[in-house]
C-alpha cells in the first residue's frame, strides 16, 4: 500500500483508535502504570495529546501543540525498561488494530529515534 504512514495507519480515525489503545495499555502495564496515575484525572486530554502527536508525526493534518519529547520527559528519569514497556504497548496496540508489518517497523523506527529525548534525561 502506498501513501503516507498516516494514511496507511488509517488516517485520523485509525490513529486515534491506536493511540487510545496505547494509553489504555499503559494504564495496566505494571512497568509504567504508576507514571500515569496523575493523568487518570484527565484521560481525554492525555488520549487527545497522544493521538494528535501521533497523527502529526505520521504526516497527518493535526498540529501538535504539546511540549516536545525532551521537555515532556526531562527530569522523569525514565529507564530503558520503561521505554521498552512503552514500545511493547505500542506494538500490541498496532496488533490489536491489524496493522501490517511494514507500518509496525516504521512506527518502531520513529519511536526508537526519540529514545535520546526520553530515557534518562
N, C-alpha and C. Protein backbone atom coordinates (compact mmCIF):
# COMPACT_ATOMS: atom_id res chain seq x y z
N UNK A 1 0.84 -1.18 0.00
CA UNK A 1 0.00 0.00 0.00
C UNK A 1 0.89 1.24 0.00
N UNK A 2 0.57 2.17 -0.82
CA UNK A 2 1.32 3.42 -0.91
C UNK A 2 0.66 4.49 -0.04
N UNK A 3 1.28 5.63 0.04
CA UNK A 3 0.75 6.73 0.82
C UNK A 3 1.59 6.95 2.06
N UNK A 4 1.25 8.02 2.76
CA UNK A 4 1.98 8.35 3.98
C UNK A 4 1.68 7.32 5.07
N UNK A 5 2.54 7.29 6.07
CA UNK A 5 2.30 6.41 7.20
C UNK A 5 0.96 6.75 7.84
N UNK A 6 0.64 8.02 7.90
CA UNK A 6 -0.66 8.47 8.40
C UNK A 6 -1.80 7.76 7.67
N UNK A 7 -1.75 7.75 6.37
CA UNK A 7 -2.81 7.11 5.58
C UNK A 7 -2.83 5.60 5.80
N UNK A 8 -1.65 5.00 5.85
CA UNK A 8 -1.56 3.55 5.99
C UNK A 8 -1.95 3.05 7.37
N UNK A 9 -1.95 3.95 8.36
CA UNK A 9 -2.40 3.59 9.71
C UNK A 9 -3.89 3.85 9.90
N UNK A 10 -4.56 4.30 8.85
CA UNK A 10 -6.00 4.50 8.94
C UNK A 10 -6.43 5.94 9.12
N UNK A 11 -5.52 6.88 8.86
CA UNK A 11 -5.88 8.29 8.98
C UNK A 11 -6.17 8.68 10.42
N UNK A 12 -6.85 9.76 10.58
CA UNK A 12 -7.15 10.30 11.91
C UNK A 12 -7.93 9.29 12.75
N UNK A 13 -8.92 8.66 12.17
CA UNK A 13 -9.74 7.70 12.92
C UNK A 13 -8.92 6.50 13.37
N UNK A 14 -8.14 5.93 12.47
CA UNK A 14 -7.33 4.76 12.81
C UNK A 14 -6.26 5.08 13.85
N UNK A 15 -5.58 6.20 13.67
CA UNK A 15 -4.51 6.57 14.60
C UNK A 15 -5.08 6.94 15.97
N UNK A 16 -6.22 7.58 16.00
CA UNK A 16 -6.85 7.91 17.27
C UNK A 16 -7.19 6.63 18.03
N UNK A 17 -7.69 5.63 17.34
CA UNK A 17 -8.00 4.33 17.97
C UNK A 17 -6.72 3.69 18.50
N UNK A 18 -5.66 3.69 17.70
CA UNK A 18 -4.38 3.12 18.14
C UNK A 18 -3.87 3.86 19.37
N UNK A 19 -3.88 5.19 19.33
CA UNK A 19 -3.38 5.99 20.46
C UNK A 19 -4.19 5.73 21.71
N UNK A 20 -5.51 5.63 21.59
CA UNK A 20 -6.35 5.33 22.75
C UNK A 20 -6.01 3.96 23.32
N UNK A 21 -5.80 2.98 22.44
CA UNK A 21 -5.43 1.64 22.90
C UNK A 21 -4.08 1.65 23.61
N UNK A 22 -3.13 2.42 23.07
CA UNK A 22 -1.80 2.51 23.70
C UNK A 22 -1.93 3.08 25.11
N UNK A 23 -2.66 4.16 25.26
CA UNK A 23 -2.83 4.76 26.59
C UNK A 23 -3.49 3.76 27.54
N UNK A 24 -4.53 3.08 27.07
CA UNK A 24 -5.20 2.08 27.91
C UNK A 24 -4.23 0.97 28.34
N UNK A 25 -3.38 0.55 27.42
CA UNK A 25 -2.39 -0.48 27.75
C UNK A 25 -1.36 0.04 28.75
N UNK A 26 -0.95 1.29 28.61
CA UNK A 26 -0.01 1.88 29.56
C UNK A 26 -0.58 1.86 30.99
N UNK A 27 -1.88 2.11 31.10
CA UNK A 27 -2.51 2.18 32.42
C UNK A 27 -2.55 0.85 33.14
N UNK A 28 -2.44 -0.25 32.41
CA UNK A 28 -2.45 -1.58 33.04
C UNK A 28 -1.10 -2.28 32.97
N UNK A 29 -0.12 -1.64 32.39
CA UNK A 29 1.21 -2.22 32.28
C UNK A 29 1.96 -1.96 33.60
N UNK A 30 2.27 -3.00 34.36
CA UNK A 30 2.90 -2.79 35.67
C UNK A 30 4.24 -2.07 35.61
N UNK A 31 4.91 -2.11 34.49
CA UNK A 31 6.22 -1.45 34.37
C UNK A 31 6.10 0.07 34.29
N UNK A 32 4.92 0.57 33.87
CA UNK A 32 4.79 2.03 33.67
C UNK A 32 3.49 2.63 34.20
N UNK A 33 2.57 1.81 34.68
CA UNK A 33 1.25 2.31 35.10
C UNK A 33 1.35 3.45 36.12
N UNK A 34 2.30 3.36 37.04
CA UNK A 34 2.40 4.41 38.06
C UNK A 34 2.77 5.76 37.46
N UNK A 35 3.41 5.76 36.30
CA UNK A 35 3.75 7.03 35.64
C UNK A 35 2.51 7.79 35.20
N UNK A 36 1.38 7.09 35.10
CA UNK A 36 0.17 7.70 34.56
C UNK A 36 -0.91 7.91 35.62
N UNK A 37 -0.58 7.70 36.89
CA UNK A 37 -1.58 7.84 37.95
C UNK A 37 -2.21 9.23 37.97
N UNK A 38 -1.42 10.27 37.86
CA UNK A 38 -1.97 11.63 37.88
C UNK A 38 -2.75 11.95 36.62
N UNK A 39 -2.39 11.32 35.50
CA UNK A 39 -3.06 11.59 34.23
C UNK A 39 -4.47 11.00 34.19
N UNK A 40 -4.75 10.05 35.06
CA UNK A 40 -6.08 9.41 35.05
C UNK A 40 -7.18 10.43 35.30
N UNK A 41 -6.83 11.52 35.97
CA UNK A 41 -7.81 12.56 36.26
C UNK A 41 -8.29 13.25 34.98
N UNK A 42 -7.45 13.26 33.95
CA UNK A 42 -7.80 13.95 32.71
C UNK A 42 -7.47 13.06 31.52
N UNK A 43 -8.08 11.90 31.48
CA UNK A 43 -7.82 10.92 30.44
C UNK A 43 -8.13 11.45 29.03
N UNK A 44 -9.21 12.19 28.82
CA UNK A 44 -9.46 12.69 27.47
C UNK A 44 -8.33 13.57 26.93
N UNK A 45 -7.74 14.39 27.80
CA UNK A 45 -6.63 15.24 27.37
C UNK A 45 -5.40 14.41 27.04
N UNK A 46 -5.10 13.41 27.86
CA UNK A 46 -3.96 12.54 27.61
C UNK A 46 -4.13 11.80 26.28
N UNK A 47 -5.29 11.23 26.06
CA UNK A 47 -5.54 10.48 24.83
C UNK A 47 -5.53 11.40 23.62
N UNK A 48 -6.09 12.59 23.75
CA UNK A 48 -6.08 13.53 22.64
C UNK A 48 -4.66 13.96 22.30
N UNK A 49 -3.85 14.22 23.32
CA UNK A 49 -2.46 14.61 23.09
C UNK A 49 -1.68 13.51 22.40
N UNK A 50 -1.89 12.27 22.85
CA UNK A 50 -1.20 11.13 22.22
C UNK A 50 -1.62 10.99 20.76
N UNK A 51 -2.91 11.09 20.50
CA UNK A 51 -3.41 10.95 19.13
C UNK A 51 -2.91 12.09 18.24
N UNK A 52 -2.97 13.30 18.73
CA UNK A 52 -2.53 14.46 17.94
C UNK A 52 -1.04 14.37 17.63
N UNK A 53 -0.25 13.97 18.62
CA UNK A 53 1.19 13.81 18.42
C UNK A 53 1.45 12.74 17.36
N UNK A 54 0.77 11.63 17.46
CA UNK A 54 0.94 10.50 16.53
C UNK A 54 0.48 10.88 15.12
N UNK A 55 -0.64 11.57 15.03
CA UNK A 55 -1.16 12.00 13.72
C UNK A 55 -0.17 12.95 13.06
N UNK A 56 0.27 13.96 13.79
CA UNK A 56 1.21 14.94 13.23
C UNK A 56 2.52 14.27 12.84
N UNK A 57 2.98 13.33 13.66
CA UNK A 57 4.26 12.67 13.42
C UNK A 57 4.26 11.68 12.27
N UNK A 58 3.08 11.31 11.80
CA UNK A 58 2.98 10.36 10.70
C UNK A 58 2.55 11.01 9.39
N UNK A 59 2.52 12.34 9.39
CA UNK A 59 2.20 13.04 8.15
C UNK A 59 0.76 13.49 8.04
N UNK A 60 0.03 13.42 9.14
CA UNK A 60 -1.38 13.81 9.12
C UNK A 60 -1.59 15.29 9.30
N UNK A 61 -2.85 15.71 9.29
CA UNK A 61 -3.18 17.14 9.31
C UNK A 61 -3.18 17.78 10.69
N UNK A 62 -3.08 17.02 11.75
CA UNK A 62 -3.12 17.61 13.09
C UNK A 62 -1.89 18.45 13.36
N UNK A 63 -2.09 19.46 14.16
CA UNK A 63 -0.98 20.28 14.63
C UNK A 63 -0.84 19.99 16.12
N UNK A 64 0.30 19.40 16.48
CA UNK A 64 0.56 19.06 17.87
C UNK A 64 0.97 20.32 18.61
N UNK A 65 0.30 20.62 19.72
CA UNK A 65 0.57 21.85 20.47
C UNK A 65 1.21 21.59 21.82
N UNK A 66 1.55 20.33 22.10
CA UNK A 66 2.16 19.99 23.37
C UNK A 66 3.65 20.26 23.38
N UNK A 67 4.28 19.90 24.48
CA UNK A 67 5.72 20.06 24.61
C UNK A 67 6.44 19.01 23.74
N UNK A 68 7.68 19.32 23.39
CA UNK A 68 8.45 18.32 22.64
C UNK A 68 8.85 17.18 23.58
N UNK A 69 9.40 16.12 23.02
CA UNK A 69 9.72 14.93 23.80
C UNK A 69 10.71 15.21 24.92
N UNK A 70 11.73 15.99 24.66
CA UNK A 70 12.72 16.29 25.68
C UNK A 70 12.10 17.06 26.84
N UNK A 71 11.35 18.10 26.52
CA UNK A 71 10.70 18.90 27.57
C UNK A 71 9.69 18.07 28.36
N UNK A 72 8.98 17.20 27.69
CA UNK A 72 7.98 16.37 28.35
C UNK A 72 8.61 15.39 29.34
N UNK A 73 9.77 14.84 28.99
CA UNK A 73 10.36 13.76 29.78
C UNK A 73 11.53 14.19 30.67
N UNK A 74 11.97 15.44 30.54
CA UNK A 74 13.12 15.91 31.31
C UNK A 74 12.84 15.82 32.80
N UNK A 75 13.78 15.22 33.52
CA UNK A 75 13.66 15.10 34.96
C UNK A 75 12.86 13.90 35.45
N UNK A 76 12.27 13.14 34.53
CA UNK A 76 11.46 11.99 34.93
C UNK A 76 12.31 10.74 35.15
N UNK A 77 13.56 10.78 34.70
CA UNK A 77 14.47 9.66 34.86
C UNK A 77 13.85 8.34 34.37
N UNK A 78 13.33 8.37 33.18
CA UNK A 78 12.72 7.18 32.57
C UNK A 78 13.82 6.18 32.23
N UNK A 79 13.58 4.93 32.61
CA UNK A 79 14.56 3.87 32.41
C UNK A 79 14.38 3.20 31.05
N UNK A 80 15.40 2.44 30.67
CA UNK A 80 15.29 1.64 29.45
C UNK A 80 14.13 0.65 29.56
N UNK A 81 13.94 0.08 30.73
CA UNK A 81 12.85 -0.87 30.94
C UNK A 81 11.50 -0.21 30.69
N UNK A 82 11.33 1.00 31.18
CA UNK A 82 10.08 1.73 30.96
C UNK A 82 9.91 2.07 29.48
N UNK A 83 10.99 2.49 28.85
CA UNK A 83 10.93 2.82 27.42
C UNK A 83 10.50 1.59 26.62
N UNK A 84 11.09 0.45 26.93
CA UNK A 84 10.74 -0.79 26.23
C UNK A 84 9.30 -1.20 26.52
N UNK A 85 8.80 -0.90 27.71
CA UNK A 85 7.40 -1.19 28.03
C UNK A 85 6.46 -0.37 27.15
N UNK A 86 6.83 0.89 26.92
CA UNK A 86 6.04 1.75 26.03
C UNK A 86 6.06 1.19 24.61
N UNK A 87 7.23 0.79 24.15
CA UNK A 87 7.36 0.21 22.81
C UNK A 87 6.49 -1.05 22.70
N UNK A 88 6.56 -1.89 23.72
CA UNK A 88 5.77 -3.12 23.72
C UNK A 88 4.28 -2.82 23.65
N UNK A 89 3.83 -1.83 24.42
CA UNK A 89 2.42 -1.46 24.38
C UNK A 89 2.03 -0.94 22.99
N UNK A 90 2.90 -0.17 22.38
CA UNK A 90 2.61 0.34 21.03
C UNK A 90 2.48 -0.82 20.04
N UNK A 91 3.41 -1.77 20.10
CA UNK A 91 3.36 -2.90 19.18
C UNK A 91 2.09 -3.72 19.40
N UNK A 92 1.70 -3.87 20.67
CA UNK A 92 0.46 -4.60 20.98
C UNK A 92 -0.75 -3.85 20.42
N UNK A 93 -0.78 -2.53 20.58
CA UNK A 93 -1.90 -1.74 20.05
C UNK A 93 -1.96 -1.83 18.52
N UNK A 94 -0.79 -1.83 17.88
CA UNK A 94 -0.78 -1.98 16.42
C UNK A 94 -1.32 -3.34 16.02
N UNK A 95 -0.97 -4.38 16.77
CA UNK A 95 -1.52 -5.72 16.51
C UNK A 95 -3.03 -5.73 16.71
N UNK A 96 -3.48 -5.11 17.78
CA UNK A 96 -4.92 -5.06 18.08
C UNK A 96 -5.70 -4.39 16.94
N UNK A 97 -5.04 -3.49 16.24
CA UNK A 97 -5.68 -2.74 15.16
C UNK A 97 -5.32 -3.29 13.78
N UNK A 98 -4.74 -4.48 13.75
CA UNK A 98 -4.46 -5.20 12.50
C UNK A 98 -3.57 -4.41 11.53
N UNK A 99 -2.53 -3.79 12.09
CA UNK A 99 -1.58 -3.02 11.30
C UNK A 99 -0.53 -3.96 10.73
N UNK A 100 -0.20 -3.77 9.46
CA UNK A 100 0.76 -4.64 8.78
C UNK A 100 2.19 -4.42 9.28
N UNK A 101 3.02 -5.41 8.99
CA UNK A 101 4.41 -5.42 9.45
C UNK A 101 5.20 -4.19 9.02
N UNK A 102 5.06 -3.78 7.77
CA UNK A 102 5.82 -2.62 7.27
C UNK A 102 5.54 -1.38 8.12
N UNK A 103 4.28 -1.16 8.41
CA UNK A 103 3.91 0.01 9.20
C UNK A 103 4.40 -0.12 10.64
N UNK A 104 4.33 -1.33 11.19
CA UNK A 104 4.86 -1.55 12.55
C UNK A 104 6.34 -1.21 12.60
N UNK A 105 7.08 -1.62 11.60
CA UNK A 105 8.52 -1.33 11.56
C UNK A 105 8.77 0.16 11.46
N UNK A 106 7.97 0.87 10.69
CA UNK A 106 8.14 2.32 10.57
C UNK A 106 7.84 3.02 11.89
N UNK A 107 6.79 2.59 12.58
CA UNK A 107 6.45 3.17 13.87
C UNK A 107 7.57 2.88 14.88
N UNK A 108 8.06 1.67 14.87
CA UNK A 108 9.16 1.28 15.76
C UNK A 108 10.39 2.15 15.51
N UNK A 109 10.71 2.40 14.26
CA UNK A 109 11.84 3.25 13.91
C UNK A 109 11.65 4.66 14.48
N UNK A 110 10.45 5.20 14.32
CA UNK A 110 10.16 6.55 14.82
C UNK A 110 10.30 6.58 16.34
N UNK A 111 9.75 5.58 17.02
CA UNK A 111 9.83 5.55 18.47
C UNK A 111 11.28 5.48 18.95
N UNK A 112 12.06 4.61 18.34
CA UNK A 112 13.46 4.49 18.75
C UNK A 112 14.25 5.76 18.44
N UNK A 113 13.84 6.48 17.41
CA UNK A 113 14.55 7.73 17.09
C UNK A 113 14.34 8.79 18.18
N UNK A 114 13.31 8.63 19.01
CA UNK A 114 13.03 9.59 20.07
C UNK A 114 13.65 9.19 21.40
N UNK A 115 14.24 8.01 21.48
CA UNK A 115 14.78 7.47 22.72
C UNK A 115 15.70 8.45 23.44
N UNK A 116 16.57 9.08 22.70
CA UNK A 116 17.55 10.00 23.28
C UNK A 116 16.90 11.16 24.03
N UNK A 117 15.68 11.53 23.63
CA UNK A 117 14.96 12.62 24.29
C UNK A 117 14.03 12.14 25.38
N UNK A 118 14.06 10.83 25.66
CA UNK A 118 13.11 10.27 26.63
C UNK A 118 13.81 9.57 27.79
N UNK A 119 14.77 8.73 27.50
CA UNK A 119 15.40 7.89 28.52
C UNK A 119 16.50 8.66 29.25
N UNK A 120 16.40 8.65 30.58
CA UNK A 120 17.41 9.22 31.48
C UNK A 120 17.78 10.66 31.15
N UNK A 121 16.76 11.47 30.86
CA UNK A 121 17.02 12.89 30.59
C UNK A 121 16.57 13.75 31.76
